[in-house]
Amino acid sequence: MGQTGCIPAPHLELPPMEPMPPFDRAADVAALWEQVEAVLGRVADAINTAPDGYVIAASERTVLHLFADLRKTAYEAGIPMRTDAAEAAFSPSDGSRDGQDAPR
């Protein structure tokens, strides 16, 4: 039983993509830093409120969910930043991929 996902099946040939330029790593970190600090604070709270002898068992699920949410937030911020970097690097005067001018 297969699933439909983002990863293409190995037998499918996809046209090559032009490489996307990287985005500004420092800007991404700066944009997310407040959320990272908040998550780490909540992780500390989960660990500190767990009963003695059961720290991992009592806090693990909460910590996993916190980091899963942070991962989602990081992708939601980072992917548009990379797309924006690619759009900023695009020059419409370069023509189309095959060297021909795009139809007007």
C-alpha atoms as a PDB file:
ATOM      1  CA  MET A   1       0.000   0.000   0.000  1.00  0.00           C
ATOM      2  CA  GLY A   2       1.682   3.232  -1.127  1.00  0.00           C
ATOM      3  CA  GLN A   3       1.305   6.754   0.103  1.00  0.00           C
ATOM      4  CA  THR A   4       1.167   9.924  -1.907  1.00  0.00           C
ATOM      5  CA  GLY A   5       3.865  12.283  -0.701  1.00  0.00           C
ATOM      6  CA  CYS A   6       6.360  14.903  -1.716  1.00  0.00           C
ATOM      7  CA  ILE A   7       9.126  12.462  -2.628  1.00  0.00           C
ATOM      8  CA  PRO A   8       8.727  11.229  -6.222  1.00  0.00           C
ATOM      9  CA  ALA A   9       8.818   7.538  -7.027  1.00  0.00           C
ATOM     10  CA  PRO A  10      12.292   6.438  -8.179  1.00  0.00           C
ATOM     11  CA  HIS A  11      11.012   5.447 -11.624  1.00  0.00           C
ATOM     12  CA  LEU A  12       9.722   8.936 -12.428  1.00  0.00           C
ATOM     13  CA  GLU A  13      12.070  11.302 -14.191  1.00  0.00           C
ATOM     14  CA  LEU A  14      11.581  14.913 -13.235  1.00  0.00           C
ATOM     15  CA  PRO A  15      13.086  17.803 -15.151  1.00  0.00           C
ATOM     16  CA  PRO A  16      16.116  19.266 -13.417  1.00  0.00           C
ATOM     17  CA  MET A  17      15.547  22.355 -11.341  1.00  0.00           C
ATOM     18  CA  GLU A  18      17.861  25.278 -11.459  1.00  0.00           C
ATOM     19  CA  PRO A  19      19.650  25.578  -8.117  1.00  0.00           C
ATOM     20  CA  MET A  20      18.105  28.036  -5.710  1.00  0.00           C
ATOM     21  CA  PRO A  21      20.423  30.460  -3.956  1.00  0.00           C
ATOM     22  CA  PRO A  22      20.633  30.211  -0.182  1.00  0.00           C
ATOM     23  CA  PHE A  23      18.910  32.747   2.012  1.00  0.00           C
ATOM     24  CA  ASP A  24      20.548  34.796   4.738  1.00  0.00           C
ATOM     25  CA  ARG A  25      21.123  32.311   7.576  1.00  0.00           C
ATOM     26  CA  ALA A  26      21.583  35.070  10.158  1.00  0.00           C
ATOM     27  CA  ALA A  27      18.241  36.609   9.226  1.00  0.00           C
ATOM     28  CA  ASP A  28      16.481  33.248   9.664  1.00  0.00           C
ATOM     29  CA  VAL A  29      18.082  32.690  13.062  1.00  0.00           C
ATOM     30  CA  ALA A  30      17.236  36.233  14.141  1.00  0.00           C
ATOM     31  CA  ALA A  31      13.630  35.844  12.993  1.00  0.00           C
ATOM     32  CA  LEU A  32      13.183  32.642  15.008  1.00  0.00           C
ATOM     33  CA  TRP A  33      15.357  33.362  18.043  1.00  0.00           C
ATOM     34  CA  GLU A  34      12.524  34.571  20.270  1.00  0.00           C
ATOM     35  CA  GLN A  35      10.526  31.414  19.521  1.00  0.00           C
ATOM     36  CA  VAL A  36      13.579  29.202  20.139  1.00  0.00           C
ATOM     37  CA  GLU A  37      14.096  30.808  23.547  1.00  0.00           C
ATOM     38  CA  ALA A  38      10.409  30.375  24.398  1.00  0.00           C
ATOM     39  CA  VAL A  39      10.488  26.688  23.450  1.00  0.00           C
ATOM     40  CA  LEU A  40      13.642  26.087  25.490  1.00  0.00           C
ATOM     41  CA  GLY A  41      11.981  27.785  28.453  1.00  0.00           C
ATOM     42  CA  ARG A  42       8.962  25.505  28.123  1.00  0.00           C
ATOM     43  CA  VAL A  43      11.285  22.476  27.858  1.00  0.00           C
ATOM     44  CA  ALA A  44      12.949  23.569  31.100  1.00  0.00           C
ATOM     45  CA  ASP A  45       9.518  23.953  32.710  1.00  0.00           C
ATOM     46  CA  ALA A  46       8.472  20.461  31.598  1.00  0.00           C
ATOM     47  CA  ILE A  47      11.656  18.957  33.019  1.00  0.00           C
ATOM     48  CA  ASN A  48      11.457  20.931  36.272  1.00  0.00           C
ATOM     49  CA  THR A  49       7.821  20.009  36.933  1.00  0.00           C
ATOM     50  CA  ALA A  50       8.294  16.297  36.246  1.00  0.00           C
ATOM     51  CA  PRO A  51       8.266  14.095  39.335  1.00  0.00           C
ATOM     52  CA  ASP A  52      11.595  12.926  40.683  1.00  0.00           C
ATOM     53  CA  GLY A  53      12.621   9.622  39.178  1.00  0.00           C
ATOM     54  CA  TYR A  54      10.259  10.082  36.208  1.00  0.00           C
ATOM     55  CA  VAL A  55      11.738  13.135  34.499  1.00  0.00           C
ATOM     56  CA  ILE A  56      12.016  11.629  31.026  1.00  0.00           C
ATOM     57  CA  ALA A  57       8.805   9.609  31.204  1.00  0.00           C
ATOM     58  CA  ALA A  58       6.814  12.588  32.471  1.00  0.00           C
ATOM     59  CA  SER A  59       8.268  15.261  30.184  1.00  0.00           C
ATOM     60  CA  GLU A  60       9.266  13.457  26.973  1.00  0.00           C
ATOM     61  CA  ARG A  61       5.949  13.778  25.154  1.00  0.00           C
ATOM     62  CA  THR A  62       5.683  17.476  25.933  1.00  0.00           C
ATOM     63  CA  VAL A  63       9.280  18.091  24.835  1.00  0.00           C
ATOM     64  CA  LEU A  64       8.777  16.124  21.600  1.00  0.00           C
ATOM     65  CA  HIS A  65       5.688  18.175  20.751  1.00  0.00           C
ATOM     66  CA  LEU A  66       7.465  21.442  21.559  1.00  0.00           C
ATOM     67  CA  PHE A  67      10.354  20.622  19.242  1.00  0.00           C
ATOM     68  CA  ALA A  68       8.021  19.311  16.529  1.00  0.00           C
ATOM     69  CA  ASP A  69       6.162  22.629  16.604  1.00  0.00           C
ATOM     70  CA  LEU A  70       9.464  24.514  16.467  1.00  0.00           C
ATOM     71  CA  ARG A  71      10.596  22.416  13.489  1.00  0.00           C
ATOM     72  CA  LYS A  72       7.336  23.250  11.670  1.00  0.00           C
ATOM     73  CA  THR A  73       7.755  26.935  12.468  1.00  0.00           C
ATOM     74  CA  ALA A  74      11.357  26.875  11.225  1.00  0.00           C
ATOM     75  CA  TYR A  75      10.312  25.363   7.892  1.00  0.00           C
ATOM     76  CA  GLU A  76       7.396  27.778   7.572  1.00  0.00           C
ATOM     77  CA  ALA A  77       9.843  30.663   8.010  1.00  0.00           C
ATOM     78  CA  GLY A  78      12.829  29.259   6.116  1.00  0.00           C
ATOM     79  CA  ILE A  79      11.184  27.998   2.936  1.00  0.00           C
ATOM     80  CA  PRO A  80       9.635  31.376   2.029  1.00  0.00           C
ATOM     81  CA  MET A  81      12.970  33.056   2.817  1.00  0.00           C
ATOM     82  CA  ARG A  82      14.710  30.741   0.340  1.00  0.00           C
ATOM     83  CA  THR A  83      11.985  31.318  -2.249  1.00  0.00           C
ATOM     84  CA  ASP A  84      12.308  35.078  -1.745  1.00  0.00           C
ATOM     85  CA  ALA A  85      16.087  34.823  -2.216  1.00  0.00           C
ATOM     86  CA  ALA A  86      15.534  32.944  -5.481  1.00  0.00           C
ATOM     87  CA  GLU A  87      13.029  35.528  -6.697  1.00  0.00           C
ATOM     88  CA  ALA A  88      15.401  38.355  -5.797  1.00  0.00           C
ATOM     89  CA  ALA A  89      18.187  36.665  -7.777  1.00  0.00           C
ATOM     90  CA  PHE A  90      15.947  36.124 -10.828  1.00  0.00           C
ATOM     91  CA  SER A  91      16.491  38.504 -13.714  1.00  0.00           C
ATOM     92  CA  PRO A  92      13.578  38.665 -16.154  1.00  0.00           C
ATOM     93  CA  SER A  93      15.962  39.959 -18.822  1.00  0.00           C
ATOM     94  CA  ASP A  94      17.738  36.571 -18.926  1.00  0.00           C
ATOM     95  CA  GLY A  95      14.979  35.076 -21.069  1.00  0.00           C
ATOM     96  CA  SER A  96      13.587  31.597 -20.622  1.00  0.00           C
ATOM     97  CA  ARG A  97      15.471  28.450 -19.645  1.00  0.00           C
ATOM     98  CA  ASP A  98      16.145  27.384 -23.236  1.00  0.00           C
ATOM     99  CA  GLY A  99      17.707  30.720 -24.134  1.00  0.00           C
ATOM    100  CA  GLN A 100      14.664  31.901 -26.081  1.00  0.00           C
ATOM    101  CA  ASP A 101      12.774  35.003 -25.081  1.00  0.00           C
ATOM    102  CA  ALA A 102       9.528  34.280 -23.341  1.00  0.00           C
ATOM    103  CA  PRO A 103       6.387  34.951 -25.416  1.00  0.00           C
ATOM    104  CA  ARG A 104       4.828  38.316 -24.864  1.00  0.00           C
END
